[in-house]
């Protein structure tokens, strides 16, 4: 293992919570010390970019960006090679969100700075143009954080760095205090129900409503309140609707309890639902790919904010999908058994073929000495013939 590869592993180790800039700058010094080091350094970074842990990949991108800025044109030309451009494109388009965003922002920074004055870096500029044409974003979706900048120079001033750290901490403390003051002054509202009107919310909290618009509905499904201003009920309960101005969440009450509930969980049909005394026998579970794909699609379409309630049939689809798990496990076990049996047959066939080859080679070796022996028997007779020919 080369020294650069070892340094690349240390500087992007899984246990690191943030970039170790001292070690990263040591890597830059190592690359600058040897003309052949840029290619080896990029190979080391490329191995870490293909790590299965996205945190390691983010650290490797930081090392790559630092080497690009500090290791000169030789390293940049290696990055702008055809083989590594494909690696950058894959990271910018087919990686996790954080990795892809950081890669695209890094490419944009390179193009706006070094690539403008160096025509040999045209592949990086072309990659940036393709990403722009494909509609990719070059901004981070993460909230901005206060960071400390480290400058790479020969004479590093430790005292000035300490002052910068202290200034950053003071500014961060002031920002937090100001944010807390603004939060105390702001009215407290639930983000899940921002779409509801103020009159609807006040009707629920104050217990007042316009009784001329009240109507009664029946609950189709059980609903468990997740917030303080929600109304819990079970299937069959009669609910008095006090406000239905929002299409997804209505205001209502059951006795003295009142709150918000999803409109899709109730019906205006007040007739009793007749439950059959004999439950229909459950259909036997079978492996059905369409059910699994439908369950995945419904889960992806669910609203994580809670403004739109989950479809009622989601629970049934989930139960049907879970029922397939034992069948899928049994099918996989049977396939594994078949694979193992075929592997044993393959090994047996290979052993038989090896024995056959040995038998053929052994038979061949037995024929060669016999032929040689016959030639030795014939050779004296030929010499005798030649001797007699010379005498004549």
Foldseek 3Di string as FASTA:
>chain_A
DDPLLVLLCVQLPPPDPDGPVVSLVVSLVVQQVDLPSLLVNVVSLLVQCPDPDVSSNVSSLVSLLVNVVRNDDSNLLSCLDPVNLVVLLCQLPPHDQVSNLSSLLSLVVCCVPVCVVDVSSVSSVVSNVVCVVVPDDNDDPDDDDDDQDDDDDDDGDPVVSVVSVVVSVVVVVVVVVVVVVVVVVDDDDQPLPPVDDPVQVCCQVVVDADVVPKDKWFFQAFDDDPDPQADGDGGGAIWIFRACPDPFWTWTADVPHIHIDGPVRIGRDNDDDDDDPDDDDDDQQDDDVVLVVVLVVQVVPDDPSCNHDRDPCNVVSVVSVVSCVVVVVVVVVVVVVVVVVVVVVVVVVVVVVVVVVVVVVVVVVVVVVVVVVVCVVCVVVVVVVVVVVVVD
